[in-house]
Amino acid sequence: MHSDAGRDAERAVVNAAARQGVKRLQCLAPVLAQQGGASMAKALNGSASFRDGADEFMAAWQESEAGPAPWERLMMFAIDALNTEWPLTPAAERGDFQQRIGARLGRFISAMPLRNARILAGMLATGQLRLAAGGLDQAGRPSFDDAPPPGAPNQFDVIINATGLGRPADDPSLRNLPASVW
C-alpha cells in the first residue's frame, strides 16, 4: 500500500519540476525510475536488455518471487498522475511521452498476478506456449516479426495481451478475430 506521506512526497517532486518549467509528464518517469527500483529504472530508461519477450517475462517473474517489487507501490501514483495530467497536456507532449516511455510504463501498470505468471512460465518451459515477437511497423501499427512460412496459415490458438490497453479494433492483427473472443 502506498503511504500518504510517500504519495505527497512524489507529488511534491512532480509539482516542483513543473514549477521550474519541466513538462509534468516528462518529470513523471524520473520520479518513478528513482523510487521504483532497478527493474523499473532500467525499463523506463531503455537500458534493460533481454533476448526476447520470454526472457523479460522470466526476469520479471523471478524478481516478483523474491518479494514485492519496489515499483508495485508506485502504480496507483502513476495512474493517478496520468489521469490528472493527461487531459491537461498538449497533444504533442502526450505523443512524445507515449513514444518515449508509454509502452514501457504500461508494462508495469498492466503487470499480471504472480500466480498467472507461474502458469505462463510453466507453459513456456514445456513448449505449450510460444511468444510471437511483436512490435510496430514503419507506420507505427502493431505487427508480428515471425511471419509463418509461405502458404502456412497465419493464426494463433490463444492471444495473451501483455502489451497494453489497446482495443482490438485498433490492432490490425486482432481486428479479424471473431467478436466472441472479446
N, C-alpha and C. Protein backbone atom coordinates (compact mmCIF):
# COMPACT_ATOMS: atom_id res chain seq x y z
N MET A 1 0.84 -1.18 0.00
CA MET A 1 0.00 0.00 0.00
C MET A 1 0.88 1.24 0.00
N HIS A 2 0.51 2.19 -0.77
CA HIS A 2 1.28 3.42 -0.91
C HIS A 2 0.89 4.37 0.22
N SER A 3 1.88 4.81 1.00
CA SER A 3 1.58 5.70 2.13
C SER A 3 1.25 7.09 1.63
N ASP A 4 0.43 7.80 2.42
CA ASP A 4 0.09 9.18 2.08
C ASP A 4 1.33 10.05 2.05
N ALA A 5 2.27 9.82 2.99
CA ALA A 5 3.50 10.61 3.03
C ALA A 5 4.33 10.39 1.77
N GLY A 6 4.44 9.13 1.34
CA GLY A 6 5.19 8.83 0.12
C GLY A 6 4.53 9.44 -1.11
N ARG A 7 3.22 9.34 -1.18
CA ARG A 7 2.49 9.92 -2.31
C ARG A 7 2.65 11.43 -2.32
N ASP A 8 2.55 12.06 -1.15
CA ASP A 8 2.71 13.51 -1.07
C ASP A 8 4.11 13.93 -1.50
N ALA A 9 5.12 13.15 -1.09
CA ALA A 9 6.50 13.47 -1.46
C ALA A 9 6.69 13.37 -2.97
N GLU A 10 6.15 12.32 -3.57
CA GLU A 10 6.29 12.15 -5.01
C GLU A 10 5.55 13.23 -5.78
N ARG A 11 4.36 13.58 -5.32
CA ARG A 11 3.62 14.66 -5.97
C ARG A 11 4.37 15.98 -5.84
N ALA A 12 5.01 16.18 -4.69
CA ALA A 12 5.79 17.41 -4.49
C ALA A 12 6.93 17.50 -5.51
N VAL A 13 7.58 16.36 -5.79
CA VAL A 13 8.65 16.34 -6.78
C VAL A 13 8.10 16.71 -8.16
N VAL A 14 6.99 16.10 -8.53
CA VAL A 14 6.38 16.39 -9.83
C VAL A 14 5.97 17.86 -9.92
N ASN A 15 5.34 18.38 -8.87
CA ASN A 15 4.89 19.77 -8.87
C ASN A 15 6.07 20.74 -8.90
N ALA A 16 7.14 20.44 -8.16
CA ALA A 16 8.32 21.31 -8.15
C ALA A 16 8.96 21.35 -9.53
N ALA A 17 9.04 20.21 -10.18
CA ALA A 17 9.61 20.18 -11.53
C ALA A 17 8.74 21.00 -12.49
N ALA A 18 7.43 20.88 -12.34
CA ALA A 18 6.53 21.64 -13.21
C ALA A 18 6.70 23.14 -13.00
N ARG A 19 6.90 23.56 -11.75
CA ARG A 19 7.10 25.00 -11.47
C ARG A 19 8.39 25.50 -12.10
N GLN A 20 9.35 24.62 -12.28
CA GLN A 20 10.63 25.01 -12.88
C GLN A 20 10.57 24.93 -14.41
N GLY A 21 9.40 24.68 -14.94
CA GLY A 21 9.24 24.65 -16.39
C GLY A 21 9.41 23.29 -17.03
N VAL A 22 9.65 22.26 -16.23
CA VAL A 22 9.76 20.91 -16.78
C VAL A 22 8.35 20.41 -17.05
N LYS A 23 8.14 19.83 -18.20
CA LYS A 23 6.81 19.30 -18.52
C LYS A 23 6.46 18.22 -17.51
N ARG A 24 5.23 18.25 -17.04
CA ARG A 24 4.81 17.36 -15.96
C ARG A 24 4.96 15.88 -16.33
N LEU A 25 4.59 15.51 -17.53
CA LEU A 25 4.73 14.11 -17.92
C LEU A 25 6.20 13.72 -18.02
N GLN A 26 7.06 14.65 -18.42
CA GLN A 26 8.49 14.34 -18.50
C GLN A 26 9.09 14.08 -17.14
N CYS A 27 8.58 14.73 -16.09
CA CYS A 27 9.18 14.51 -14.77
C CYS A 27 8.59 13.28 -14.08
N LEU A 28 7.52 12.72 -14.61
CA LEU A 28 6.95 11.52 -14.01
C LEU A 28 7.91 10.34 -14.12
N ALA A 29 8.50 10.14 -15.29
CA ALA A 29 9.39 8.99 -15.49
C ALA A 29 10.59 9.01 -14.56
N PRO A 30 11.31 10.14 -14.39
CA PRO A 30 12.44 10.12 -13.45
C PRO A 30 12.02 9.82 -12.01
N VAL A 31 10.87 10.33 -11.58
CA VAL A 31 10.41 10.04 -10.22
C VAL A 31 10.16 8.55 -10.07
N LEU A 32 9.48 7.95 -11.05
CA LEU A 32 9.20 6.52 -10.99
C LEU A 32 10.49 5.71 -11.05
N ALA A 33 11.42 6.11 -11.91
CA ALA A 33 12.69 5.38 -12.02
C ALA A 33 13.48 5.47 -10.73
N GLN A 34 13.46 6.63 -10.08
CA GLN A 34 14.21 6.81 -8.84
C GLN A 34 13.60 5.99 -7.70
N GLN A 35 12.28 5.96 -7.62
CA GLN A 35 11.60 5.32 -6.50
C GLN A 35 11.23 3.87 -6.76
N GLY A 36 11.25 3.43 -8.02
CA GLY A 36 10.70 2.13 -8.37
C GLY A 36 11.67 0.97 -8.42
N GLY A 37 12.91 1.19 -8.08
CA GLY A 37 13.86 0.10 -8.07
C GLY A 37 14.55 -0.10 -9.41
N ALA A 38 15.51 -1.01 -9.41
CA ALA A 38 16.38 -1.21 -10.57
C ALA A 38 15.62 -1.65 -11.81
N SER A 39 14.66 -2.57 -11.68
CA SER A 39 13.99 -3.07 -12.88
C SER A 39 13.18 -1.98 -13.55
N MET A 40 12.53 -1.13 -12.74
CA MET A 40 11.75 -0.05 -13.34
C MET A 40 12.68 0.99 -13.95
N ALA A 41 13.76 1.31 -13.28
CA ALA A 41 14.70 2.30 -13.82
C ALA A 41 15.26 1.83 -15.17
N LYS A 42 15.66 0.56 -15.24
CA LYS A 42 16.20 0.03 -16.49
C LYS A 42 15.15 0.03 -17.59
N ALA A 43 13.93 -0.35 -17.25
CA ALA A 43 12.87 -0.40 -18.25
C ALA A 43 12.52 0.99 -18.76
N LEU A 44 12.39 1.95 -17.85
CA LEU A 44 11.96 3.29 -18.26
C LEU A 44 13.04 4.05 -19.01
N ASN A 45 14.30 3.78 -18.71
CA ASN A 45 15.34 4.50 -19.45
C ASN A 45 15.84 3.69 -20.65
N GLY A 46 15.23 2.54 -20.89
CA GLY A 46 15.55 1.76 -22.07
C GLY A 46 16.84 0.96 -21.99
N SER A 47 17.41 0.81 -20.79
CA SER A 47 18.68 0.09 -20.69
C SER A 47 18.51 -1.39 -20.34
N ALA A 48 17.28 -1.84 -20.17
CA ALA A 48 17.07 -3.26 -19.90
C ALA A 48 17.43 -4.05 -21.16
N SER A 49 18.13 -5.16 -20.99
CA SER A 49 18.50 -5.96 -22.16
C SER A 49 18.00 -7.38 -21.96
N PHE A 50 17.13 -7.79 -22.86
CA PHE A 50 16.56 -9.13 -22.83
C PHE A 50 16.68 -9.72 -24.23
N ARG A 51 16.83 -11.03 -24.30
CA ARG A 51 16.90 -11.69 -25.61
C ARG A 51 15.57 -11.56 -26.35
N ASP A 52 14.48 -11.71 -25.60
CA ASP A 52 13.15 -11.68 -26.21
C ASP A 52 12.12 -11.47 -25.11
N GLY A 53 10.84 -11.52 -25.49
CA GLY A 53 9.77 -11.31 -24.52
C GLY A 53 9.74 -12.37 -23.43
N ALA A 54 10.08 -13.60 -23.79
CA ALA A 54 10.09 -14.67 -22.78
C ALA A 54 11.18 -14.41 -21.74
N ASP A 55 12.33 -13.93 -22.17
CA ASP A 55 13.43 -13.61 -21.26
C ASP A 55 13.02 -12.48 -20.31
N GLU A 56 12.37 -11.45 -20.84
CA GLU A 56 11.91 -10.35 -20.00
C GLU A 56 10.86 -10.84 -19.00
N PHE A 57 9.95 -11.68 -19.48
CA PHE A 57 8.90 -12.23 -18.62
C PHE A 57 9.52 -13.02 -17.47
N MET A 58 10.50 -13.88 -17.79
CA MET A 58 11.12 -14.70 -16.75
C MET A 58 11.87 -13.84 -15.73
N ALA A 59 12.53 -12.78 -16.19
CA ALA A 59 13.24 -11.88 -15.26
C ALA A 59 12.26 -11.20 -14.32
N ALA A 60 11.14 -10.73 -14.85
CA ALA A 60 10.14 -10.07 -14.00
C ALA A 60 9.53 -11.07 -13.03
N TRP A 61 9.31 -12.29 -13.48
CA TRP A 61 8.74 -13.32 -12.61
C TRP A 61 9.70 -13.63 -11.46
N GLN A 62 10.98 -13.80 -11.77
CA GLN A 62 11.96 -14.09 -10.72
C GLN A 62 12.08 -12.94 -9.73
N GLU A 63 12.01 -11.72 -10.23
CA GLU A 63 12.04 -10.55 -9.35
C GLU A 63 10.84 -10.57 -8.40
N SER A 64 9.68 -10.92 -8.92
CA SER A 64 8.47 -10.97 -8.09
C SER A 64 8.54 -12.09 -7.06
N GLU A 65 9.16 -13.21 -7.42
CA GLU A 65 9.32 -14.32 -6.48
C GLU A 65 10.15 -13.90 -5.27
N ALA A 66 11.06 -12.95 -5.47
CA ALA A 66 11.95 -12.50 -4.39
C ALA A 66 11.23 -11.62 -3.38
N GLY A 67 10.03 -11.19 -3.69
CA GLY A 67 9.26 -10.34 -2.78
C GLY A 67 8.62 -9.21 -3.55
N PRO A 68 7.85 -8.39 -2.85
CA PRO A 68 7.18 -7.29 -3.54
C PRO A 68 8.20 -6.39 -4.25
N ALA A 69 7.98 -6.16 -5.52
CA ALA A 69 8.87 -5.29 -6.28
C ALA A 69 8.65 -3.84 -5.84
N PRO A 70 9.72 -3.06 -5.75
CA PRO A 70 9.59 -1.67 -5.30
C PRO A 70 8.62 -0.85 -6.13
N TRP A 71 8.49 -1.17 -7.42
CA TRP A 71 7.64 -0.37 -8.29
C TRP A 71 6.15 -0.60 -8.04
N GLU A 72 5.78 -1.71 -7.41
CA GLU A 72 4.37 -2.01 -7.20
C GLU A 72 3.64 -0.90 -6.45
N ARG A 73 4.29 -0.35 -5.43
CA ARG A 73 3.64 0.68 -4.63
C ARG A 73 3.45 1.99 -5.39
N LEU A 74 4.14 2.15 -6.51
CA LEU A 74 4.06 3.39 -7.27
C LEU A 74 2.99 3.39 -8.35
N MET A 75 2.41 2.25 -8.64
CA MET A 75 1.50 2.19 -9.77
C MET A 75 0.25 3.05 -9.59
N MET A 76 -0.33 3.07 -8.41
CA MET A 76 -1.51 3.93 -8.22
C MET A 76 -1.12 5.39 -8.36
N PHE A 77 0.07 5.77 -7.88
CA PHE A 77 0.56 7.13 -8.06
C PHE A 77 0.68 7.44 -9.55
N ALA A 78 1.27 6.53 -10.31
CA ALA A 78 1.46 6.76 -11.74
C ALA A 78 0.11 6.88 -12.45
N ILE A 79 -0.82 6.00 -12.12
CA ILE A 79 -2.14 6.05 -12.74
C ILE A 79 -2.85 7.35 -12.37
N ASP A 80 -2.80 7.73 -11.09
CA ASP A 80 -3.41 9.00 -10.66
C ASP A 80 -2.79 10.18 -11.39
N ALA A 81 -1.46 10.19 -11.48
CA ALA A 81 -0.77 11.29 -12.15
C ALA A 81 -1.16 11.36 -13.63
N LEU A 82 -1.20 10.22 -14.29
CA LEU A 82 -1.58 10.22 -15.70
C LEU A 82 -3.03 10.64 -15.89
N ASN A 83 -3.92 10.14 -15.04
CA ASN A 83 -5.33 10.53 -15.15
C ASN A 83 -5.52 12.02 -14.95
N THR A 84 -4.73 12.61 -14.05
CA THR A 84 -4.83 14.04 -13.77
C THR A 84 -4.19 14.86 -14.88
N GLU A 85 -3.00 14.48 -15.30
CA GLU A 85 -2.22 15.30 -16.22
C GLU A 85 -2.56 15.10 -17.69
N TRP A 86 -2.96 13.91 -18.07
CA TRP A 86 -3.17 13.61 -19.49
C TRP A 86 -4.13 14.59 -20.17
N PRO A 87 -5.31 14.84 -19.61
CA PRO A 87 -6.24 15.75 -20.29
C PRO A 87 -5.72 17.19 -20.38
N LEU A 88 -4.83 17.57 -19.48
CA LEU A 88 -4.30 18.94 -19.44
C LEU A 88 -3.04 19.12 -20.27
N THR A 89 -2.55 18.04 -20.84
CA THR A 89 -1.27 18.05 -21.54
C THR A 89 -1.49 18.23 -23.04
N PRO A 90 -0.72 19.12 -23.67
CA PRO A 90 -0.84 19.31 -25.12
C PRO A 90 -0.59 18.00 -25.88
N ALA A 91 -1.26 17.86 -27.00
CA ALA A 91 -1.18 16.63 -27.79
C ALA A 91 0.26 16.27 -28.16
N ALA A 92 1.08 17.25 -28.50
CA ALA A 92 2.47 16.96 -28.88
C ALA A 92 3.24 16.34 -27.72
N GLU A 93 3.03 16.85 -26.51
CA GLU A 93 3.72 16.28 -25.35
C GLU A 93 3.20 14.88 -25.04
N ARG A 94 1.88 14.67 -25.19
CA ARG A 94 1.33 13.33 -24.96
C ARG A 94 1.95 12.34 -25.94
N GLY A 95 2.06 12.75 -27.20
CA GLY A 95 2.66 11.88 -28.21
C GLY A 95 4.11 11.56 -27.90
N ASP A 96 4.85 12.58 -27.46
CA ASP A 96 6.26 12.38 -27.09
C ASP A 96 6.38 11.41 -25.92
N PHE A 97 5.54 11.60 -24.91
CA PHE A 97 5.55 10.73 -23.73
C PHE A 97 5.22 9.29 -24.15
N GLN A 98 4.18 9.14 -24.96
CA GLN A 98 3.76 7.80 -25.39
C GLN A 98 4.88 7.12 -26.17
N GLN A 99 5.55 7.87 -27.03
CA GLN A 99 6.62 7.29 -27.83
C GLN A 99 7.83 6.93 -26.96
N ARG A 100 8.19 7.79 -26.02
CA ARG A 100 9.39 7.56 -25.21
C ARG A 100 9.20 6.49 -24.15
N ILE A 101 8.13 6.58 -23.35
CA ILE A 101 8.02 5.63 -22.23
C ILE A 101 6.64 5.05 -22.03
N GLY A 102 5.66 5.44 -22.80
CA GLY A 102 4.30 4.95 -22.59
C GLY A 102 4.18 3.44 -22.55
N ALA A 103 4.74 2.78 -23.55
CA ALA A 103 4.64 1.31 -23.60
C ALA A 103 5.43 0.66 -22.48
N ARG A 104 6.60 1.23 -22.16
CA ARG A 104 7.41 0.65 -21.08
C ARG A 104 6.72 0.83 -19.73
N LEU A 105 6.09 1.98 -19.51
CA LEU A 105 5.35 2.19 -18.27
C LEU A 105 4.13 1.28 -18.23
N GLY A 106 3.48 1.10 -19.37
CA GLY A 106 2.32 0.21 -19.46
C GLY A 106 2.64 -1.20 -19.01
N ARG A 107 3.87 -1.65 -19.23
CA ARG A 107 4.28 -2.98 -18.79
C ARG A 107 4.13 -3.12 -17.28
N PHE A 108 4.39 -2.07 -16.53
CA PHE A 108 4.26 -2.12 -15.08
C PHE A 108 2.81 -1.92 -14.64
N ILE A 109 2.12 -1.00 -15.29
CA ILE A 109 0.73 -0.72 -14.92
C ILE A 109 -0.14 -1.95 -15.14
N SER A 110 0.13 -2.70 -16.21
CA SER A 110 -0.70 -3.86 -16.52
C SER A 110 -0.05 -5.18 -16.11
N ALA A 111 0.85 -5.14 -15.13
CA ALA A 111 1.52 -6.36 -14.67
C ALA A 111 0.50 -7.39 -14.18
N MET A 112 0.79 -8.64 -14.44
CA MET A 112 -0.14 -9.70 -14.06
C MET A 112 0.19 -10.25 -12.67
N PRO A 113 -0.79 -10.88 -12.05
CA PRO A 113 -0.53 -11.51 -10.74
C PRO A 113 0.52 -12.62 -10.86
N LEU A 114 1.27 -12.82 -9.79
CA LEU A 114 2.35 -13.81 -9.79
C LEU A 114 1.82 -15.21 -10.10
N ARG A 115 0.64 -15.56 -9.62
CA ARG A 115 0.06 -16.88 -9.90
C ARG A 115 -0.05 -17.10 -11.40
N ASN A 116 -0.55 -16.10 -12.12
CA ASN A 116 -0.69 -16.22 -13.56
C ASN A 116 0.67 -16.32 -14.23
N ALA A 117 1.64 -15.58 -13.71
CA ALA A 117 3.00 -15.64 -14.26
C ALA A 117 3.57 -17.05 -14.11
N ARG A 118 3.32 -17.68 -12.97
CA ARG A 118 3.81 -19.05 -12.76
C ARG A 118 3.21 -20.00 -13.79
N ILE A 119 1.93 -19.85 -14.05
CA ILE A 119 1.26 -20.71 -15.03
C ILE A 119 1.88 -20.50 -16.41
N LEU A 120 2.04 -19.25 -16.82
CA LEU A 120 2.61 -18.96 -18.13
C LEU A 120 4.06 -19.43 -18.22
N ALA A 121 4.83 -19.27 -17.15
CA ALA A 121 6.22 -19.72 -17.15
C ALA A 121 6.29 -21.23 -17.36
N GLY A 122 5.41 -21.96 -16.70
CA GLY A 122 5.37 -23.40 -16.89
C GLY A 122 5.03 -23.78 -18.31
N MET A 123 4.10 -23.06 -18.90
CA MET A 123 3.71 -23.32 -20.29
C MET A 123 4.84 -22.97 -21.26
N LEU A 124 5.58 -21.91 -20.98
CA LEU A 124 6.73 -21.57 -21.82
C LEU A 124 7.79 -22.67 -21.73
N ALA A 125 8.03 -23.17 -20.52
CA ALA A 125 9.07 -24.18 -20.31
C ALA A 125 8.74 -25.49 -21.01
N THR A 126 7.46 -25.85 -21.07
CA THR A 126 7.07 -27.12 -21.68
C THR A 126 6.78 -27.00 -23.17
N GLY A 127 6.81 -25.79 -23.70
CA GLY A 127 6.52 -25.59 -25.11
C GLY A 127 5.05 -25.45 -25.43
N GLN A 128 4.18 -25.48 -24.41
CA GLN A 128 2.75 -25.28 -24.65
C GLN A 128 2.45 -23.86 -25.11
N LEU A 129 3.33 -22.94 -24.77
CA LEU A 129 3.14 -21.54 -25.12
C LEU A 129 4.38 -21.05 -25.83
N ARG A 130 4.16 -20.35 -26.91
CA ARG A 130 5.25 -19.73 -27.66
C ARG A 130 4.89 -18.27 -27.86
N LEU A 131 5.86 -17.40 -27.67
CA LEU A 131 5.61 -15.98 -27.85
C LEU A 131 5.92 -15.59 -29.28
N ALA A 132 4.98 -14.88 -29.89
CA ALA A 132 5.21 -14.31 -31.22
C ALA A 132 5.81 -12.94 -31.01
N ALA A 133 6.98 -12.71 -31.56
CA ALA A 133 7.64 -11.42 -31.38
C ALA A 133 6.81 -10.34 -32.05
N GLY A 134 6.46 -9.33 -31.31
CA GLY A 134 5.66 -8.25 -31.84
C GLY A 134 6.38 -6.94 -31.78
N GLY A 135 5.84 -5.99 -32.44
CA GLY A 135 6.42 -4.65 -32.45
C GLY A 135 5.56 -3.74 -33.29
N LEU A 136 6.14 -2.65 -33.70
CA LEU A 136 5.43 -1.70 -34.54
C LEU A 136 6.06 -1.69 -35.93
N ASP A 137 5.22 -1.61 -36.96
CA ASP A 137 5.76 -1.49 -38.30
C ASP A 137 6.18 -0.05 -38.55
N GLN A 138 6.62 0.26 -39.75
CA GLN A 138 7.12 1.61 -40.03
C GLN A 138 6.04 2.67 -39.89
N ALA A 139 4.78 2.29 -40.01
CA ALA A 139 3.68 3.24 -39.86
C ALA A 139 3.23 3.35 -38.40
N GLY A 140 3.89 2.61 -37.49
CA GLY A 140 3.53 2.68 -36.08
C GLY A 140 2.40 1.76 -35.68
N ARG A 141 2.04 0.81 -36.56
CA ARG A 141 0.97 -0.14 -36.24
C ARG A 141 1.56 -1.42 -35.67
N PRO A 142 0.82 -2.10 -34.78
CA PRO A 142 1.33 -3.38 -34.24
C PRO A 142 1.52 -4.40 -35.36
N SER A 143 2.59 -5.18 -35.26
CA SER A 143 2.82 -6.25 -36.22
C SER A 143 3.64 -7.34 -35.54
N PHE A 144 3.67 -8.51 -36.16
CA PHE A 144 4.44 -9.63 -35.63
C PHE A 144 5.61 -9.92 -36.54
N ASP A 145 6.79 -10.11 -35.94
CA ASP A 145 8.02 -10.33 -36.69
C ASP A 145 8.10 -11.73 -37.30
N ASP A 146 7.65 -12.71 -36.56
CA ASP A 146 7.86 -14.09 -37.01
C ASP A 146 6.71 -14.55 -37.90
N ALA A 147 6.75 -14.10 -39.14
CA ALA A 147 5.72 -14.47 -40.10
C ALA A 147 5.83 -15.96 -40.40
N PRO A 148 4.69 -16.60 -40.66
CA PRO A 148 4.74 -18.03 -40.98
C PRO A 148 5.37 -18.23 -42.36
N PRO A 149 5.84 -19.45 -42.62
CA PRO A 149 6.39 -19.73 -43.95
C PRO A 149 5.32 -19.50 -45.02
N PRO A 150 5.73 -19.22 -46.25
CA PRO A 150 4.75 -19.00 -47.32
C PRO A 150 3.78 -20.17 -47.41
N GLY A 151 2.51 -19.86 -47.52
CA GLY A 151 1.47 -20.87 -47.64
C GLY A 151 0.95 -21.42 -46.32
N ALA A 152 1.64 -21.16 -45.23
CA ALA A 152 1.19 -21.65 -43.92
C ALA A 152 0.12 -20.70 -43.37
N PRO A 153 -0.81 -21.24 -42.61
CA PRO A 153 -1.84 -20.35 -42.04
C PRO A 153 -1.22 -19.40 -41.02
N ASN A 154 -1.74 -18.20 -40.97
CA ASN A 154 -1.27 -17.20 -40.01
C ASN A 154 -2.35 -17.08 -38.94
N GLN A 155 -2.25 -17.91 -37.93
CA GLN A 155 -3.26 -17.88 -36.89
C GLN A 155 -2.64 -18.23 -35.55
N PHE A 156 -3.34 -17.87 -34.51
CA PHE A 156 -2.91 -18.14 -33.15
C PHE A 156 -4.03 -18.88 -32.45
N ASP A 157 -3.67 -19.83 -31.61
CA ASP A 157 -4.68 -20.53 -30.82
C ASP A 157 -5.21 -19.64 -29.71
N VAL A 158 -4.31 -18.92 -29.07
CA VAL A 158 -4.67 -18.05 -27.96
C VAL A 158 -3.82 -16.79 -28.06
N ILE A 159 -4.42 -15.66 -27.76
CA ILE A 159 -3.67 -14.42 -27.70
C ILE A 159 -3.74 -13.91 -26.28
N ILE A 160 -2.57 -13.69 -25.69
CA ILE A 160 -2.49 -13.10 -24.36
C ILE A 160 -1.95 -11.70 -24.56
N ASN A 161 -2.77 -10.70 -24.28
CA ASN A 161 -2.33 -9.32 -24.48
C ASN A 161 -1.58 -8.87 -23.25
N ALA A 162 -0.27 -8.76 -23.38
CA ALA A 162 0.55 -8.28 -22.28
C ALA A 162 1.29 -7.02 -22.68
N THR A 163 0.77 -6.34 -23.68
CA THR A 163 1.50 -5.19 -24.22
C THR A 163 0.81 -3.86 -24.02
N GLY A 164 -0.39 -3.83 -23.51
CA GLY A 164 -1.03 -2.53 -23.33
C GLY A 164 -2.52 -2.63 -23.23
N LEU A 165 -3.14 -1.48 -23.39
CA LEU A 165 -4.58 -1.38 -23.18
C LEU A 165 -5.32 -1.05 -24.47
N GLY A 166 -4.72 -1.32 -25.61
CA GLY A 166 -5.37 -1.02 -26.88
C GLY A 166 -6.61 -1.88 -27.08
N ARG A 167 -7.53 -1.38 -27.91
CA ARG A 167 -8.74 -2.13 -28.22
C ARG A 167 -8.50 -2.99 -29.46
N PRO A 168 -9.17 -4.13 -29.57
CA PRO A 168 -8.97 -5.00 -30.73
C PRO A 168 -9.19 -4.28 -32.06
N ALA A 169 -10.17 -3.38 -32.12
CA ALA A 169 -10.45 -2.68 -33.37
C ALA A 169 -9.28 -1.80 -33.80
N ASP A 170 -8.42 -1.40 -32.86
CA ASP A 170 -7.28 -0.55 -33.18
C ASP A 170 -6.07 -1.36 -33.63
N ASP A 171 -6.12 -2.66 -33.49
CA ASP A 171 -4.97 -3.51 -33.77
C ASP A 171 -5.26 -4.37 -35.00
N PRO A 172 -4.58 -4.11 -36.12
CA PRO A 172 -4.87 -4.87 -37.34
C PRO A 172 -4.67 -6.37 -37.18
N SER A 173 -3.76 -6.78 -36.30
CA SER A 173 -3.53 -8.22 -36.14
C SER A 173 -4.65 -8.89 -35.36
N LEU A 174 -5.47 -8.12 -34.65
CA LEU A 174 -6.57 -8.68 -33.87
C LEU A 174 -7.94 -8.39 -34.48
N ARG A 175 -8.01 -7.44 -35.38
CA ARG A 175 -9.28 -6.92 -35.89
C ARG A 175 -10.18 -8.00 -36.47
N ASN A 176 -9.62 -9.01 -37.12
CA ASN A 176 -10.44 -10.00 -37.82
C ASN A 176 -10.83 -11.20 -36.97
N LEU A 177 -10.45 -11.20 -35.70
CA LEU A 177 -10.86 -12.31 -34.84
C LEU A 177 -12.35 -12.22 -34.56
N PRO A 178 -13.00 -13.35 -34.31
CA PRO A 178 -14.43 -13.31 -34.01
C PRO A 178 -14.72 -12.45 -32.78
N ALA A 179 -15.84 -11.75 -32.81
CA ALA A 179 -16.22 -10.88 -31.69
C ALA A 179 -16.39 -11.68 -30.41
N SER A 180 -16.71 -12.96 -30.51
CA SER A 180 -16.91 -13.77 -29.30
C SER A 180 -15.64 -13.92 -28.48
N VAL A 181 -14.48 -13.67 -29.10
CA VAL A 181 -13.22 -13.76 -28.37
C VAL A 181 -13.15 -12.67 -27.32
N TRP A 182 -13.73 -11.52 -27.58
CA TRP A 182 -13.63 -10.37 -26.68
C TRP A 182 -14.77 -10.38 -25.71
